[in-house]
């Protein structure tokens, strides 16, 4: 007998986005079963937006950030339109877009560590280099030869 895979039980559920618009709480839905192409497209646009913030020249940075934000907003709007076909624009701005993308990607198992997000564990002694392992602990053939020659001398 063949194994039955119930995709409805393993596919991610749709994501509900709740935001207050003009004093009224509204909910919007994003599809929970994004394609691989959609997920990696979102990652690419998110990274482009983060890189735009690092541009040195102020005028170039403004242009890069505007362009990256416009692409990201268009992409998000297209995703929302899968469940709300009549949606004409996003109900939030740049900060909301960035938070939403991070949340979507986290939902799919991607960790979006930005420059303001600390690593898992800070180094307990900053500035002090970590001790290096001896050649013996690396399992290299060189350490095996050294051990063998020491054993022969004994």
N, C-alpha and C. Protein backbone atom coordinates (compact mmCIF):
# COMPACT_ATOMS: atom_id res chain seq x y z
N UNK A 1 0.84 -1.17 0.00
CA UNK A 1 0.00 0.00 0.00
C UNK A 1 0.89 1.25 0.00
N UNK A 2 0.54 2.23 -0.77
CA UNK A 2 1.30 3.47 -0.89
C UNK A 2 1.08 4.36 0.33
N UNK A 3 2.09 5.13 0.65
CA UNK A 3 2.00 6.08 1.76
C UNK A 3 1.22 7.30 1.29
N UNK A 4 0.28 7.74 2.07
CA UNK A 4 -0.53 8.91 1.76
C UNK A 4 0.06 10.13 2.44
N UNK A 5 0.34 11.15 1.67
CA UNK A 5 0.84 12.41 2.21
C UNK A 5 -0.30 13.42 2.14
N UNK A 6 -0.70 13.90 3.28
CA UNK A 6 -1.78 14.88 3.35
C UNK A 6 -1.14 16.28 3.37
N UNK A 7 -1.04 16.86 2.20
CA UNK A 7 -0.37 18.16 2.09
C UNK A 7 -1.04 19.24 2.91
N UNK A 8 -2.34 19.18 3.06
CA UNK A 8 -3.03 20.21 3.86
C UNK A 8 -2.55 20.20 5.31
N UNK A 9 -2.01 19.08 5.75
CA UNK A 9 -1.53 18.99 7.13
C UNK A 9 -0.10 19.49 7.29
N UNK A 10 0.66 19.54 6.19
CA UNK A 10 2.06 19.95 6.30
C UNK A 10 2.36 21.32 5.70
N UNK A 11 1.49 21.80 4.83
CA UNK A 11 1.72 23.12 4.24
C UNK A 11 1.48 24.21 5.28
N UNK A 12 2.26 25.27 5.23
CA UNK A 12 2.04 26.37 6.17
C UNK A 12 0.67 27.01 5.94
N UNK A 13 0.06 27.44 7.03
CA UNK A 13 -1.22 28.13 6.92
C UNK A 13 -0.99 29.54 6.39
N UNK A 14 -2.06 30.12 5.85
CA UNK A 14 -1.99 31.52 5.42
C UNK A 14 -1.60 32.39 6.61
N UNK A 15 -0.98 33.50 6.31
CA UNK A 15 -0.56 34.44 7.35
C UNK A 15 -1.53 35.62 7.37
N UNK A 16 -2.05 35.92 8.53
CA UNK A 16 -2.92 37.08 8.67
C UNK A 16 -2.10 38.26 9.17
N UNK A 17 -2.28 39.39 8.53
CA UNK A 17 -1.59 40.62 8.90
C UNK A 17 -2.65 41.58 9.43
N UNK A 18 -2.44 42.04 10.63
CA UNK A 18 -3.41 42.94 11.25
C UNK A 18 -2.75 44.30 11.45
N UNK A 19 -3.47 45.36 11.04
CA UNK A 19 -2.95 46.72 11.17
C UNK A 19 -4.12 47.69 11.32
N UNK A 20 -3.87 48.74 12.09
CA UNK A 20 -4.89 49.77 12.24
C UNK A 20 -4.74 50.78 11.12
N UNK A 21 -5.81 50.97 10.37
CA UNK A 21 -5.83 51.91 9.25
C UNK A 21 -6.97 52.89 9.49
N UNK A 22 -6.64 54.18 9.59
CA UNK A 22 -7.63 55.24 9.82
C UNK A 22 -8.50 54.92 11.03
N UNK A 23 -7.86 54.47 12.11
CA UNK A 23 -8.58 54.20 13.35
C UNK A 23 -9.38 52.91 13.36
N UNK A 24 -9.28 52.12 12.31
CA UNK A 24 -10.04 50.87 12.23
C UNK A 24 -9.06 49.70 12.04
N UNK A 25 -9.22 48.67 12.87
CA UNK A 25 -8.39 47.49 12.78
C UNK A 25 -8.78 46.67 11.55
N UNK A 26 -7.79 46.41 10.69
CA UNK A 26 -8.05 45.64 9.47
C UNK A 26 -7.13 44.43 9.41
N UNK A 27 -7.61 43.39 8.75
CA UNK A 27 -6.82 42.17 8.56
C UNK A 27 -6.67 41.89 7.07
N UNK A 28 -5.46 41.48 6.74
CA UNK A 28 -5.15 41.10 5.37
C UNK A 28 -4.50 39.73 5.43
N UNK A 29 -4.59 38.98 4.34
CA UNK A 29 -4.08 37.62 4.32
C UNK A 29 -3.02 37.44 3.24
N UNK A 30 -1.95 36.80 3.63
CA UNK A 30 -0.89 36.41 2.70
C UNK A 30 -0.94 34.89 2.55
N UNK A 31 -0.65 34.40 1.36
CA UNK A 31 -0.65 32.94 1.19
C UNK A 31 0.45 32.30 2.02
N UNK A 32 0.14 31.19 2.65
CA UNK A 32 1.11 30.49 3.47
C UNK A 32 1.97 29.53 2.67
N UNK A 33 1.56 29.25 1.45
CA UNK A 33 2.29 28.27 0.63
C UNK A 33 3.02 28.95 -0.53
N UNK A 34 3.90 29.90 -0.19
CA UNK A 34 4.67 30.59 -1.22
C UNK A 34 5.58 29.61 -1.94
N UNK A 35 5.81 29.86 -3.21
CA UNK A 35 6.72 29.02 -3.97
C UNK A 35 8.16 29.34 -3.59
N UNK A 36 9.06 28.45 -3.95
CA UNK A 36 10.48 28.67 -3.70
C UNK A 36 10.95 29.94 -4.40
N UNK A 37 10.48 30.16 -5.61
CA UNK A 37 10.85 31.36 -6.36
C UNK A 37 10.38 32.61 -5.62
N UNK A 38 9.16 32.58 -5.08
CA UNK A 38 8.64 33.73 -4.34
C UNK A 38 9.44 33.98 -3.07
N UNK A 39 9.79 32.93 -2.36
CA UNK A 39 10.54 33.09 -1.11
C UNK A 39 11.92 33.68 -1.38
N UNK A 40 12.62 33.12 -2.38
CA UNK A 40 13.96 33.63 -2.66
C UNK A 40 13.92 35.00 -3.30
N UNK A 41 12.86 35.31 -4.02
CA UNK A 41 12.68 36.67 -4.54
C UNK A 41 12.54 37.66 -3.40
N UNK A 42 11.80 37.26 -2.38
CA UNK A 42 11.61 38.11 -1.20
C UNK A 42 12.93 38.31 -0.46
N UNK A 43 13.69 37.24 -0.34
CA UNK A 43 15.00 37.34 0.32
C UNK A 43 15.90 38.31 -0.45
N UNK A 44 15.94 38.15 -1.75
CA UNK A 44 16.77 39.00 -2.60
C UNK A 44 16.40 40.49 -2.45
N UNK A 45 15.10 40.77 -2.48
CA UNK A 45 14.65 42.16 -2.35
C UNK A 45 14.92 42.71 -0.96
N UNK A 46 14.76 41.88 0.06
CA UNK A 46 15.04 42.29 1.44
C UNK A 46 16.52 42.65 1.58
N UNK A 47 17.40 41.81 1.02
CA UNK A 47 18.84 42.07 1.09
C UNK A 47 19.20 43.33 0.31
N UNK A 48 18.54 43.53 -0.83
CA UNK A 48 18.78 44.74 -1.62
C UNK A 48 18.41 45.99 -0.81
N UNK A 49 17.31 45.92 -0.09
CA UNK A 49 16.89 47.05 0.74
C UNK A 49 17.89 47.31 1.86
N UNK A 50 18.42 46.25 2.46
CA UNK A 50 19.41 46.43 3.52
C UNK A 50 20.71 47.02 2.97
N UNK A 51 21.13 46.57 1.80
CA UNK A 51 22.36 47.09 1.18
C UNK A 51 22.20 48.56 0.80
N UNK A 52 21.01 48.94 0.39
CA UNK A 52 20.77 50.33 0.00
C UNK A 52 21.02 51.28 1.17
N UNK A 53 20.77 50.82 2.38
CA UNK A 53 20.99 51.65 3.57
C UNK A 53 22.48 51.87 3.84
N UNK A 54 23.34 51.03 3.26
CA UNK A 54 24.77 51.12 3.51
C UNK A 54 25.52 51.98 2.48
N UNK A 55 24.82 52.47 1.47
CA UNK A 55 25.47 53.29 0.45
C UNK A 55 26.02 54.56 1.10
N UNK A 56 27.29 54.88 0.80
CA UNK A 56 27.98 55.99 1.45
C UNK A 56 27.45 57.36 1.05
N UNK A 57 27.32 57.60 -0.23
CA UNK A 57 26.89 58.90 -0.75
C UNK A 57 25.40 59.11 -0.43
N UNK A 58 25.07 60.21 0.21
CA UNK A 58 23.70 60.46 0.66
C UNK A 58 22.71 60.48 -0.49
N UNK A 59 23.03 61.18 -1.56
CA UNK A 59 22.10 61.25 -2.71
C UNK A 59 21.92 59.87 -3.33
N UNK A 60 23.00 59.13 -3.48
CA UNK A 60 22.92 57.78 -4.05
C UNK A 60 22.17 56.85 -3.12
N UNK A 61 22.36 57.05 -1.81
CA UNK A 61 21.66 56.22 -0.83
C UNK A 61 20.14 56.43 -0.91
N UNK A 62 19.72 57.67 -1.04
CA UNK A 62 18.29 57.98 -1.14
C UNK A 62 17.69 57.31 -2.37
N UNK A 63 18.38 57.41 -3.50
CA UNK A 63 17.90 56.79 -4.73
C UNK A 63 17.85 55.28 -4.58
N UNK A 64 18.91 54.68 -4.02
CA UNK A 64 18.97 53.23 -3.85
C UNK A 64 17.87 52.73 -2.90
N UNK A 65 17.66 53.47 -1.81
CA UNK A 65 16.62 53.08 -0.84
C UNK A 65 15.23 53.21 -1.45
N UNK A 66 15.01 54.29 -2.19
CA UNK A 66 13.70 54.49 -2.84
C UNK A 66 13.42 53.37 -3.84
N UNK A 67 14.41 53.05 -4.66
CA UNK A 67 14.24 52.00 -5.67
C UNK A 67 14.01 50.64 -5.02
N UNK A 68 14.80 50.32 -3.99
CA UNK A 68 14.66 49.03 -3.30
C UNK A 68 13.30 48.93 -2.61
N UNK A 69 12.86 50.03 -1.99
CA UNK A 69 11.56 50.04 -1.31
C UNK A 69 10.42 49.87 -2.31
N UNK A 70 10.53 50.52 -3.45
CA UNK A 70 9.48 50.41 -4.48
C UNK A 70 9.37 48.98 -4.99
N UNK A 71 10.52 48.34 -5.23
CA UNK A 71 10.50 46.95 -5.70
C UNK A 71 9.89 46.02 -4.63
N UNK A 72 10.29 46.23 -3.39
CA UNK A 72 9.79 45.40 -2.30
C UNK A 72 8.29 45.59 -2.11
N UNK A 73 7.83 46.83 -2.16
CA UNK A 73 6.39 47.11 -2.02
C UNK A 73 5.58 46.48 -3.15
N UNK A 74 6.09 46.56 -4.37
CA UNK A 74 5.40 45.95 -5.51
C UNK A 74 5.32 44.44 -5.32
N UNK A 75 6.40 43.84 -4.87
CA UNK A 75 6.45 42.39 -4.65
C UNK A 75 5.45 41.98 -3.56
N UNK A 76 5.46 42.72 -2.44
CA UNK A 76 4.52 42.42 -1.35
C UNK A 76 3.08 42.61 -1.80
N UNK A 77 2.80 43.67 -2.54
CA UNK A 77 1.45 43.91 -3.03
C UNK A 77 0.98 42.73 -3.90
N UNK A 78 1.86 42.24 -4.76
CA UNK A 78 1.51 41.09 -5.59
C UNK A 78 1.19 39.86 -4.74
N UNK A 79 1.93 39.68 -3.64
CA UNK A 79 1.64 38.55 -2.74
C UNK A 79 0.28 38.73 -2.07
N UNK A 80 0.00 39.94 -1.61
CA UNK A 80 -1.29 40.21 -0.97
C UNK A 80 -2.44 40.01 -1.96
N UNK A 81 -2.22 40.36 -3.21
CA UNK A 81 -3.28 40.26 -4.22
C UNK A 81 -3.70 38.81 -4.48
N UNK A 82 -2.89 37.85 -4.08
CA UNK A 82 -3.28 36.46 -4.24
C UNK A 82 -4.51 36.13 -3.39
N UNK A 83 -4.68 36.81 -2.26
CA UNK A 83 -5.84 36.58 -1.40
C UNK A 83 -6.81 37.76 -1.40
N UNK A 84 -6.33 38.97 -1.73
CA UNK A 84 -7.15 40.18 -1.83
C UNK A 84 -6.93 40.78 -3.21
N UNK A 85 -7.58 40.23 -4.24
CA UNK A 85 -7.32 40.67 -5.62
C UNK A 85 -7.59 42.15 -5.88
N UNK A 86 -8.43 42.78 -5.08
CA UNK A 86 -8.78 44.18 -5.30
C UNK A 86 -7.85 45.16 -4.58
N UNK A 87 -6.88 44.66 -3.83
CA UNK A 87 -5.98 45.55 -3.09
C UNK A 87 -5.18 46.39 -4.08
N UNK A 88 -5.16 47.71 -3.84
CA UNK A 88 -4.47 48.62 -4.75
C UNK A 88 -3.13 49.11 -4.21
N UNK A 89 -3.00 49.15 -2.89
CA UNK A 89 -1.74 49.57 -2.29
C UNK A 89 -1.60 48.94 -0.92
N UNK A 90 -0.37 48.91 -0.43
CA UNK A 90 -0.12 48.35 0.89
C UNK A 90 -0.64 49.29 1.96
N UNK A 91 -1.17 48.74 3.05
CA UNK A 91 -1.71 49.59 4.12
C UNK A 91 -0.66 50.02 5.15
N UNK A 92 0.63 49.90 4.81
CA UNK A 92 1.70 50.27 5.72
C UNK A 92 2.88 50.79 4.91
N UNK A 93 3.84 51.35 5.62
CA UNK A 93 5.00 51.95 4.96
C UNK A 93 6.25 51.10 5.06
N UNK A 94 7.40 51.78 4.96
CA UNK A 94 8.70 51.12 4.90
C UNK A 94 8.99 50.25 6.12
N UNK A 95 8.73 50.78 7.30
CA UNK A 95 9.01 50.02 8.53
C UNK A 95 8.13 48.77 8.59
N UNK A 96 6.87 48.95 8.23
CA UNK A 96 5.95 47.81 8.21
C UNK A 96 6.37 46.76 7.19
N UNK A 97 6.83 47.21 6.03
CA UNK A 97 7.29 46.27 4.99
C UNK A 97 8.46 45.44 5.48
N UNK A 98 9.42 46.13 6.09
CA UNK A 98 10.62 45.44 6.58
C UNK A 98 10.27 44.43 7.67
N UNK A 99 9.42 44.83 8.60
CA UNK A 99 9.01 43.92 9.68
C UNK A 99 8.23 42.73 9.12
N UNK A 100 7.36 43.00 8.16
CA UNK A 100 6.55 41.94 7.57
C UNK A 100 7.41 40.93 6.83
N UNK A 101 8.36 41.41 6.04
CA UNK A 101 9.23 40.50 5.30
C UNK A 101 10.02 39.62 6.27
N UNK A 102 10.57 40.21 7.30
CA UNK A 102 11.31 39.42 8.30
C UNK A 102 10.41 38.36 8.92
N UNK A 103 9.18 38.71 9.21
CA UNK A 103 8.22 37.78 9.81
C UNK A 103 7.85 36.66 8.83
N UNK A 104 7.63 37.00 7.57
CA UNK A 104 7.29 36.00 6.55
C UNK A 104 8.44 35.00 6.43
N UNK A 105 9.65 35.51 6.31
CA UNK A 105 10.80 34.64 6.12
C UNK A 105 11.06 33.78 7.35
N UNK A 106 10.84 34.32 8.53
CA UNK A 106 10.97 33.54 9.76
C UNK A 106 9.94 32.41 9.76
N UNK A 107 8.75 32.70 9.27
CA UNK A 107 7.70 31.69 9.19
C UNK A 107 8.12 30.52 8.30
N UNK A 108 8.96 30.79 7.31
CA UNK A 108 9.43 29.74 6.41
C UNK A 108 10.78 29.16 6.84
N UNK A 109 11.22 29.52 8.04
CA UNK A 109 12.44 28.92 8.58
C UNK A 109 13.72 29.66 8.27
N UNK A 110 13.63 30.89 7.76
CA UNK A 110 14.81 31.69 7.48
C UNK A 110 14.99 32.68 8.61
N UNK A 111 16.23 32.81 9.09
CA UNK A 111 16.53 33.80 10.12
C UNK A 111 17.08 35.03 9.43
N UNK A 112 16.44 36.16 9.64
CA UNK A 112 16.89 37.39 8.99
C UNK A 112 17.63 38.25 10.01
N UNK A 113 18.91 37.96 10.20
CA UNK A 113 19.72 38.74 11.12
C UNK A 113 20.17 40.01 10.44
N UNK A 114 19.75 41.11 10.95
CA UNK A 114 20.16 42.39 10.42
C UNK A 114 21.34 42.91 11.21
N UNK A 115 21.84 44.08 10.84
CA UNK A 115 23.00 44.63 11.54
C UNK A 115 22.70 45.00 12.98
N UNK A 116 21.44 45.22 13.33
CA UNK A 116 21.08 45.59 14.69
C UNK A 116 20.71 44.39 15.55
N UNK A 117 20.76 43.18 14.98
CA UNK A 117 20.37 41.99 15.70
C UNK A 117 21.60 41.29 16.23
N UNK A 118 21.69 41.03 17.54
CA UNK A 118 22.88 40.39 18.09
C UNK A 118 22.94 38.91 17.69
N UNK A 119 24.16 38.38 17.70
CA UNK A 119 24.34 36.95 17.46
C UNK A 119 23.75 36.18 18.63
N UNK A 120 23.70 34.86 18.50
CA UNK A 120 23.11 34.02 19.55
C UNK A 120 23.80 34.23 20.90
N UNK A 121 25.13 34.12 20.92
CA UNK A 121 25.84 34.25 22.17
C UNK A 121 27.02 35.21 21.99
N UNK A 122 27.08 36.24 22.81
CA UNK A 122 28.23 37.15 22.70
C UNK A 122 29.49 36.47 23.23
N UNK A 123 30.64 36.91 22.72
CA UNK A 123 31.92 36.40 23.20
C UNK A 123 32.11 36.88 24.63
N UNK A 124 32.33 35.95 25.58
CA UNK A 124 32.43 36.36 26.99
C UNK A 124 33.63 37.25 27.28
N UNK A 125 34.70 37.16 26.50
CA UNK A 125 35.87 37.99 26.72
C UNK A 125 36.22 38.71 25.43
N UNK A 126 35.54 39.84 25.16
CA UNK A 126 35.82 40.57 23.93
C UNK A 126 37.27 41.04 23.89
N UNK A 127 37.85 41.02 22.72
CA UNK A 127 39.22 41.47 22.55
C UNK A 127 40.25 40.39 22.78
N UNK A 128 39.89 39.33 23.46
CA UNK A 128 40.82 38.24 23.73
C UNK A 128 40.61 37.16 22.68
N UNK A 129 41.67 36.80 21.94
CA UNK A 129 41.50 35.79 20.90
C UNK A 129 41.15 34.43 21.51
N UNK A 130 40.38 33.67 20.76
CA UNK A 130 40.02 32.34 21.22
C UNK A 130 41.25 31.45 21.11
N UNK A 131 41.43 30.54 22.08
CA UNK A 131 42.60 29.67 22.02
C UNK A 131 42.53 28.75 20.81
N UNK A 132 43.70 28.54 20.19
CA UNK A 132 43.76 27.65 19.04
C UNK A 132 43.97 26.23 19.54
N UNK A 133 43.41 25.29 18.76
CA UNK A 133 43.60 23.89 19.13
C UNK A 133 44.99 23.43 18.70
N UNK A 134 45.50 22.48 19.45
CA UNK A 134 46.80 21.92 19.08
C UNK A 134 46.63 21.03 17.87
N UNK A 135 47.71 20.78 17.12
CA UNK A 135 47.60 19.93 15.93
C UNK A 135 47.03 18.56 16.27
N UNK A 136 47.29 18.06 17.48
CA UNK A 136 46.81 16.75 17.88
C UNK A 136 45.29 16.69 17.89
N UNK A 137 44.64 17.78 18.27
CA UNK A 137 43.18 17.77 18.38
C UNK A 137 42.47 17.92 17.04
N UNK A 138 43.21 18.25 15.99
CA UNK A 138 42.57 18.44 14.69
C UNK A 138 42.37 17.15 13.93
N UNK A 139 43.09 16.11 14.34
CA UNK A 139 42.95 14.85 13.63
C UNK A 139 43.73 14.81 12.33
N UNK A 140 44.66 15.75 12.16
CA UNK A 140 45.42 15.78 10.91
C UNK A 140 46.44 14.66 10.89
N UNK A 141 46.88 14.29 9.70
CA UNK A 141 47.87 13.22 9.57
C UNK A 141 49.20 13.64 10.18
N UNK A 142 49.48 14.94 10.17
CA UNK A 142 50.72 15.45 10.76
C UNK A 142 50.78 15.13 12.24
N UNK A 143 49.66 15.32 12.94
CA UNK A 143 49.65 15.05 14.37
C UNK A 143 49.78 13.56 14.63
N UNK A 144 49.25 12.74 13.74
CA UNK A 144 49.36 11.30 13.89
C UNK A 144 50.82 10.88 13.75
N UNK A 145 51.55 11.50 12.80
CA UNK A 145 52.97 11.19 12.60
C UNK A 145 53.77 11.61 13.82
N UNK A 146 53.45 12.79 14.40
CA UNK A 146 54.16 13.29 15.58
C UNK A 146 53.95 12.33 16.73
N UNK A 147 52.75 11.87 16.92
CA UNK A 147 52.43 10.94 18.00
C UNK A 147 53.17 9.63 17.79
N UNK A 148 53.20 9.17 16.52
CA UNK A 148 53.87 7.91 16.21
C UNK A 148 55.36 8.02 16.48
N UNK A 149 55.97 9.15 16.10
CA UNK A 149 57.41 9.30 16.32
C UNK A 149 57.74 9.42 17.79
N UNK A 150 56.86 10.06 18.57
CA UNK A 150 57.07 10.16 20.02
C UNK A 150 56.95 8.80 20.65
N UNK A 151 56.03 7.98 20.17
CA UNK A 151 55.84 6.64 20.73
C UNK A 151 57.05 5.76 20.42
N UNK A 152 57.64 5.93 19.23
CA UNK A 152 58.78 5.12 18.84
C UNK A 152 59.99 5.49 19.67
N UNK A 153 60.13 6.75 20.08
CA UNK A 153 61.27 7.20 20.87
C UNK A 153 61.20 6.69 22.31
N UNK A 154 60.00 6.38 22.80
CA UNK A 154 59.85 5.96 24.18
C UNK A 154 60.29 4.58 24.44
